[in-house]
Amino acid sequence: MPKITLEAARVNSGMTQQDMADKLGVSRSTVVAWEKGKITIKPAYLYAICQVTGFREDDILLPTKST
């Protein structure tokens, strides 16, 4: 299976950025920053993202942190 972006995993799961933020207990701006690669996703949050989206860690292409 080809990897998909974090945004695609979220959208394919039928969630808005706010929905994902609410499920993970973070702000919407944190989800935006993750999707844009502005901040790195901590392993615990990656695990939680997989739980709420139904995708495996290996399925999600994480953006590299931009400077």
PDB file of N, CA and C in Angstrom:
ATOM      1  N   MET A   1       0.842  -1.182   0.000  1.00  0.00           N
ATOM      2  CA  MET A   1       0.000   0.000   0.000  1.00  0.00           C
ATOM      3  C   MET A   1       0.885   1.242   0.000  1.00  0.00           C
ATOM      4  N   PRO A   2       0.639   2.189  -0.904  1.00  0.00           N
ATOM      5  CA  PRO A   2       1.438   3.413  -0.904  1.00  0.00           C
ATOM      6  C   PRO A   2       1.120   4.259   0.321  1.00  0.00           C
ATOM      7  N   LYS A   3       2.097   5.012   0.740  1.00  0.00           N
ATOM      8  CA  LYS A   3       1.901   5.885   1.897  1.00  0.00           C
ATOM      9  C   LYS A   3       1.023   7.070   1.518  1.00  0.00           C
ATOM     10  N   ILE A   4       0.278   7.564   2.510  1.00  0.00           N
ATOM     11  CA  ILE A   4      -0.533   8.756   2.299  1.00  0.00           C
ATOM     12  C   ILE A   4      -0.118   9.808   3.328  1.00  0.00           C
ATOM     13  N   THR A   5      -0.434  11.045   3.044  1.00  0.00           N
ATOM     14  CA  THR A   5      -0.075  12.120   3.964  1.00  0.00           C
ATOM     15  C   THR A   5      -0.974  12.084   5.190  1.00  0.00           C
ATOM     16  N   LEU A   6      -0.537  12.758   6.219  1.00  0.00           N
ATOM     17  CA  LEU A   6      -1.336  12.881   7.431  1.00  0.00           C
ATOM     18  C   LEU A   6      -2.676  13.540   7.104  1.00  0.00           C
ATOM     19  N   GLU A   7      -2.657  14.563   6.268  1.00  0.00           N
ATOM     20  CA  GLU A   7      -3.892  15.230   5.875  1.00  0.00           C
ATOM     21  C   GLU A   7      -4.830  14.263   5.163  1.00  0.00           C
ATOM     22  N   ALA A   8      -4.294  13.454   4.256  1.00  0.00           N
ATOM     23  CA  ALA A   8      -5.126  12.493   3.530  1.00  0.00           C
ATOM     24  C   ALA A   8      -5.704  11.445   4.479  1.00  0.00           C
ATOM     25  N   ALA A   9      -4.922  11.010   5.448  1.00  0.00           N
ATOM     26  CA  ALA A   9      -5.423  10.046   6.429  1.00  0.00           C
ATOM     27  C   ALA A   9      -6.583  10.652   7.208  1.00  0.00           C
ATOM     28  N   ARG A  10      -6.434  11.899   7.587  1.00  0.00           N
ATOM     29  CA  ARG A  10      -7.500  12.600   8.319  1.00  0.00           C
ATOM     30  C   ARG A  10      -8.747  12.734   7.471  1.00  0.00           C
ATOM     31  N   VAL A  11      -8.582  13.225   6.248  1.00  0.00           N
ATOM     32  CA  VAL A  11      -9.718  13.444   5.348  1.00  0.00           C
ATOM     33  C   VAL A  11     -10.399  12.118   5.009  1.00  0.00           C
ATOM     34  N   ASN A  12      -9.613  11.091   4.711  1.00  0.00           N
ATOM     35  CA  ASN A  12     -10.179   9.772   4.392  1.00  0.00           C
ATOM     36  C   ASN A  12     -10.930   9.166   5.576  1.00  0.00           C
ATOM     37  N   SER A  13     -10.632   9.651   6.767  1.00  0.00           N
ATOM     38  CA  SER A  13     -11.336   9.190   7.961  1.00  0.00           C
ATOM     39  C   SER A  13     -12.566  10.037   8.254  1.00  0.00           C
ATOM     40  N   GLY A  14     -12.840  11.016   7.383  1.00  0.00           N
ATOM     41  CA  GLY A  14     -14.026  11.855   7.530  1.00  0.00           C
ATOM     42  C   GLY A  14     -13.926  12.908   8.612  1.00  0.00           C
ATOM     43  N   MET A  15     -12.703  13.312   8.939  1.00  0.00           N
ATOM     44  CA  MET A  15     -12.519  14.297  10.000  1.00  0.00           C
ATOM     45  C   MET A  15     -12.008  15.627   9.474  1.00  0.00           C
ATOM     46  N   THR A  16     -12.470  16.683  10.115  1.00  0.00           N
ATOM     47  CA  THR A  16     -11.894  18.001   9.886  1.00  0.00           C
ATOM     48  C   THR A  16     -10.676  18.123  10.796  1.00  0.00           C
ATOM     49  N   GLN A  17      -9.920  19.175  10.614  1.00  0.00           N
ATOM     50  CA  GLN A  17      -8.785  19.404  11.510  1.00  0.00           C
ATOM     51  C   GLN A  17      -9.277  19.561  12.944  1.00  0.00           C
ATOM     52  N   GLN A  18     -10.410  20.233  13.115  1.00  0.00           N
ATOM     53  CA  GLN A  18     -10.952  20.426  14.461  1.00  0.00           C
ATOM     54  C   GLN A  18     -11.401  19.104  15.067  1.00  0.00           C
ATOM     55  N   ASP A  19     -12.014  18.241  14.260  1.00  0.00           N
ATOM     56  CA  ASP A  19     -12.423  16.923  14.755  1.00  0.00           C
ATOM     57  C   ASP A  19     -11.218  16.151  15.289  1.00  0.00           C
ATOM     58  N   MET A  20     -10.145  16.129  14.496  1.00  0.00           N
ATOM     59  CA  MET A  20      -8.952  15.397  14.915  1.00  0.00           C
ATOM     60  C   MET A  20      -8.373  16.018  16.175  1.00  0.00           C
ATOM     61  N   ALA A  21      -8.315  17.326  16.213  1.00  0.00           N
ATOM     62  CA  ALA A  21      -7.781  18.013  17.392  1.00  0.00           C
ATOM     63  C   ALA A  21      -8.582  17.646  18.636  1.00  0.00           C
ATOM     64  N   ASP A  22      -9.898  17.646  18.506  1.00  0.00           N
ATOM     65  CA  ASP A  22     -10.757  17.305  19.647  1.00  0.00           C
ATOM     66  C   ASP A  22     -10.528  15.875  20.112  1.00  0.00           C
ATOM     67  N   LYS A  23     -10.389  14.945  19.179  1.00  0.00           N
ATOM     68  CA  LYS A  23     -10.181  13.539  19.531  1.00  0.00           C
ATOM     69  C   LYS A  23      -8.826  13.310  20.189  1.00  0.00           C
ATOM     70  N   LEU A  24      -7.843  14.130  19.827  1.00  0.00           N
ATOM     71  CA  LEU A  24      -6.488  13.948  20.356  1.00  0.00           C
ATOM     72  C   LEU A  24      -6.178  14.845  21.547  1.00  0.00           C
ATOM     73  N   GLY A  25      -7.082  15.786  21.842  1.00  0.00           N
ATOM     74  CA  GLY A  25      -6.857  16.684  22.965  1.00  0.00           C
ATOM     75  C   GLY A  25      -5.794  17.734  22.704  1.00  0.00           C
ATOM     76  N   VAL A  26      -5.697  18.159  21.437  1.00  0.00           N
ATOM     77  CA  VAL A  26      -4.758  19.220  21.058  1.00  0.00           C
ATOM     78  C   VAL A  26      -5.540  20.330  20.371  1.00  0.00           C
ATOM     79  N   SER A  27      -4.870  21.420  20.072  1.00  0.00           N
ATOM     80  CA  SER A  27      -5.535  22.515  19.371  1.00  0.00           C
ATOM     81  C   SER A  27      -5.558  22.251  17.864  1.00  0.00           C
ATOM     82  N   ARG A  28      -6.478  22.907  17.189  1.00  0.00           N
ATOM     83  CA  ARG A  28      -6.547  22.802  15.732  1.00  0.00           C
ATOM     84  C   ARG A  28      -5.238  23.283  15.112  1.00  0.00           C
ATOM     85  N   SER A  29      -4.652  24.322  15.692  1.00  0.00           N
ATOM     86  CA  SER A  29      -3.395  24.850  15.146  1.00  0.00           C
ATOM     87  C   SER A  29      -2.270  23.822  15.246  1.00  0.00           C
ATOM     88  N   THR A  30      -2.323  22.941  16.236  1.00  0.00           N
ATOM     89  CA  THR A  30      -1.328  21.871  16.338  1.00  0.00           C
ATOM     90  C   THR A  30      -1.486  20.899  15.182  1.00  0.00           C
ATOM     91  N   VAL A  31      -2.726  20.530  14.860  1.00  0.00           N
ATOM     92  CA  VAL A  31      -2.971  19.625  13.732  1.00  0.00           C
ATOM     93  C   VAL A  31      -2.484  20.268  12.438  1.00  0.00           C
ATOM     94  N   VAL A  32      -2.773  21.550  12.254  1.00  0.00           N
ATOM     95  CA  VAL A  32      -2.314  22.272  11.067  1.00  0.00           C
ATOM     96  C   VAL A  32      -0.785  22.234  10.996  1.00  0.00           C
ATOM     97  N   ALA A  33      -0.132  22.491  12.111  1.00  0.00           N
ATOM     98  CA  ALA A  33       1.341  22.499  12.139  1.00  0.00           C
ATOM     99  C   ALA A  33       1.901  21.119  11.826  1.00  0.00           C
ATOM    100  N   TRP A  34       1.264  20.068  12.337  1.00  0.00           N
ATOM    101  CA  TRP A  34       1.705  18.704  12.005  1.00  0.00           C
ATOM    102  C   TRP A  34       1.596  18.461  10.509  1.00  0.00           C
ATOM    103  N   GLU A  35       0.448  18.832   9.935  1.00  0.00           N
ATOM    104  CA  GLU A  35       0.220  18.576   8.512  1.00  0.00           C
ATOM    105  C   GLU A  35       1.182  19.354   7.624  1.00  0.00           C
ATOM    106  N   LYS A  36       1.586  20.524   8.066  1.00  0.00           N
ATOM    107  CA  LYS A  36       2.500  21.350   7.275  1.00  0.00           C
ATOM    108  C   LYS A  36       3.963  21.065   7.584  1.00  0.00           C
ATOM    109  N   GLY A  37       4.215  20.201   8.560  1.00  0.00           N
ATOM    110  CA  GLY A  37       5.597  19.872   8.913  1.00  0.00           C
ATOM    111  C   GLY A  37       6.277  20.943   9.734  1.00  0.00           C
ATOM    112  N   LYS A  38       5.500  21.801  10.365  1.00  0.00           N
ATOM    113  CA  LYS A  38       6.089  22.874  11.179  1.00  0.00           C
ATOM    114  C   LYS A  38       6.576  22.352  12.525  1.00  0.00           C
ATOM    115  N   ILE A  39       5.911  21.315  13.034  1.00  0.00           N
ATOM    116  CA  ILE A  39       6.353  20.676  14.266  1.00  0.00           C
ATOM    117  C   ILE A  39       6.328  19.161  14.075  1.00  0.00           C
ATOM    118  N   THR A  40       7.177  18.478  14.795  1.00  0.00           N
ATOM    119  CA  THR A  40       7.278  17.026  14.708  1.00  0.00           C
ATOM    120  C   THR A  40       6.210  16.375  15.584  1.00  0.00           C
ATOM    121  N   ILE A  41       5.618  15.308  15.078  1.00  0.00           N
ATOM    122  CA  ILE A  41       4.614  14.571  15.837  1.00  0.00           C
ATOM    123  C   ILE A  41       5.323  13.633  16.809  1.00  0.00           C
ATOM    124  N   LYS A  42       4.996  13.750  18.080  1.00  0.00           N
ATOM    125  CA  LYS A  42       5.569  12.853  19.087  1.00  0.00           C
ATOM    126  C   LYS A  42       4.977  11.460  18.898  1.00  0.00           C
ATOM    127  N   PRO A  43       5.751  10.427  19.228  1.00  0.00           N
ATOM    128  CA  PRO A  43       5.284   9.051  19.024  1.00  0.00           C
ATOM    129  C   PRO A  43       3.924   8.751  19.651  1.00  0.00           C
ATOM    130  N   ALA A  44       3.659   9.277  20.823  1.00  0.00           N
ATOM    131  CA  ALA A  44       2.370   9.016  21.474  1.00  0.00           C
ATOM    132  C   ALA A  44       1.219   9.580  20.647  1.00  0.00           C
ATOM    133  N   TYR A  45       1.424  10.739  20.045  1.00  0.00           N
ATOM    134  CA  TYR A  45       0.378  11.320  19.208  1.00  0.00           C
ATOM    135  C   TYR A  45       0.242  10.567  17.892  1.00  0.00           C
ATOM    136  N   LEU A  46       1.340  10.084  17.355  1.00  0.00           N
ATOM    137  CA  LEU A  46       1.259   9.293  16.129  1.00  0.00           C
ATOM    138  C   LEU A  46       0.444   8.034  16.383  1.00  0.00           C
ATOM    139  N   TYR A  47       0.674   7.403  17.509  1.00  0.00           N
ATOM    140  CA  TYR A  47      -0.105   6.216  17.874  1.00  0.00           C
ATOM    141  C   TYR A  47      -1.589   6.581  17.971  1.00  0.00           C
ATOM    142  N   ALA A  48      -1.899   7.706  18.627  1.00  0.00           N
ATOM    143  CA  ALA A  48      -3.291   8.148  18.773  1.00  0.00           C
ATOM    144  C   ALA A  48      -3.909   8.481  17.420  1.00  0.00           C
ATOM    145  N   ILE A  49      -3.132   9.089  16.527  1.00  0.00           N
ATOM    146  CA  ILE A  49      -3.620   9.403  15.182  1.00  0.00           C
ATOM    147  C   ILE A  49      -4.002   8.109  14.468  1.00  0.00           C
ATOM    148  N   CYS A  50      -3.171   7.102  14.602  1.00  0.00           N
ATOM    149  CA  CYS A  50      -3.473   5.809  13.980  1.00  0.00           C
ATOM    150  C   CYS A  50      -4.757   5.220  14.553  1.00  0.00           C
ATOM    151  N   GLN A  51      -4.953   5.374  15.831  1.00  0.00           N
ATOM    152  CA  GLN A  51      -6.160   4.849  16.461  1.00  0.00           C
ATOM    153  C   GLN A  51      -7.419   5.540  15.931  1.00  0.00           C
ATOM    154  N   VAL A  52      -7.371   6.858  15.765  1.00  0.00           N
ATOM    155  CA  VAL A  52      -8.575   7.583  15.340  1.00  0.00           C
ATOM    156  C   VAL A  52      -8.796   7.547  13.832  1.00  0.00           C
ATOM    157  N   THR A  53      -7.740   7.312  13.051  1.00  0.00           N
ATOM    158  CA  THR A  53      -7.912   7.283  11.598  1.00  0.00           C
ATOM    159  C   THR A  53      -8.059   5.866  11.048  1.00  0.00           C
ATOM    160  N   GLY A  54      -7.559   4.877  11.798  1.00  0.00           N
ATOM    161  CA  GLY A  54      -7.614   3.500  11.314  1.00  0.00           C
ATOM    162  C   GLY A  54      -6.455   3.131  10.406  1.00  0.00           C
ATOM    163  N   PHE A  55      -5.518   4.042  10.214  1.00  0.00           N
ATOM    164  CA  PHE A  55      -4.331   3.762   9.412  1.00  0.00           C
ATOM    165  C   PHE A  55      -3.200   3.307  10.326  1.00  0.00           C
ATOM    166  N   ARG A  56      -2.265   2.545   9.762  1.00  0.00           N
ATOM    167  CA  ARG A  56      -1.080   2.123  10.504  1.00  0.00           C
ATOM    168  C   ARG A  56       0.007   3.184  10.374  1.00  0.00           C
ATOM    169  N   GLU A  57       0.942   3.174  11.304  1.00  0.00           N
ATOM    170  CA  GLU A  57       2.060   4.124  11.239  1.00  0.00           C
ATOM    171  C   GLU A  57       2.797   4.009   9.912  1.00  0.00           C
ATOM    172  N   ASP A  58       2.940   2.779   9.422  1.00  0.00           N
ATOM    173  CA  ASP A  58       3.653   2.559   8.162  1.00  0.00           C
ATOM    174  C   ASP A  58       2.904   3.111   6.953  1.00  0.00           C
ATOM    175  N   ASP A  59       1.592   3.370   7.111  1.00  0.00           N
ATOM    176  CA  ASP A  59       0.786   3.880   6.003  1.00  0.00           C
ATOM    177  C   ASP A  59       0.891   5.387   5.842  1.00  0.00           C
ATOM    178  N   ILE A  60       1.266   6.072   6.922  1.00  0.00           N
ATOM    179  CA  ILE A  60       1.226   7.531   6.936  1.00  0.00           C
ATOM    180  C   ILE A  60       2.600   8.109   6.648  1.00  0.00           C
ATOM    181  N   LEU A  61       2.654   8.954   5.644  1.00  0.00           N
ATOM    182  CA  LEU A  61       3.875   9.666   5.277  1.00  0.00           C
ATOM    183  C   LEU A  61       3.914  10.954   6.084  1.00  0.00           C
ATOM    184  N   LEU A  62       4.845  11.024   7.017  1.00  0.00           N
ATOM    185  CA  LEU A  62       4.932  12.203   7.862  1.00  0.00           C
ATOM    186  C   LEU A  62       5.802  13.261   7.201  1.00  0.00           C
ATOM    187  N   PRO A  63       5.358  14.511   7.250  1.00  0.00           N
ATOM    188  CA  PRO A  63       6.177  15.572   6.659  1.00  0.00           C
ATOM    189  C   PRO A  63       7.441  15.778   7.480  1.00  0.00           C
ATOM    190  N   THR A  64       8.493  16.208   6.832  1.00  0.00           N
ATOM    191  CA  THR A  64       9.704  16.542   7.572  1.00  0.00           C
ATOM    192  C   THR A  64       9.546  17.952   8.100  1.00  0.00           C
ATOM    193  N   LYS A  65      10.149  18.190   9.239  1.00  0.00           N
ATOM    194  CA  LYS A  65      10.030  19.502   9.878  1.00  0.00           C
ATOM    195  C   LYS A  65      10.702  20.552   9.014  1.00  0.00           C
ATOM    196  N   SER A  66       9.929  21.586   8.681  1.00  0.00           N
ATOM    197  CA  SER A  66      10.483  22.655   7.856  1.00  0.00           C
ATOM    198  C   SER A  66      11.040  23.742   8.758  1.00  0.00           C
ATOM    199  N   THR A  67      11.985  24.485   8.226  1.00  0.00           N
ATOM    200  CA  THR A  67      12.607  25.547   9.034  1.00  0.00           C
ATOM    201  C   THR A  67      12.121  26.899   8.609  1.00  0.00           C
TER     202      THR A  67
END
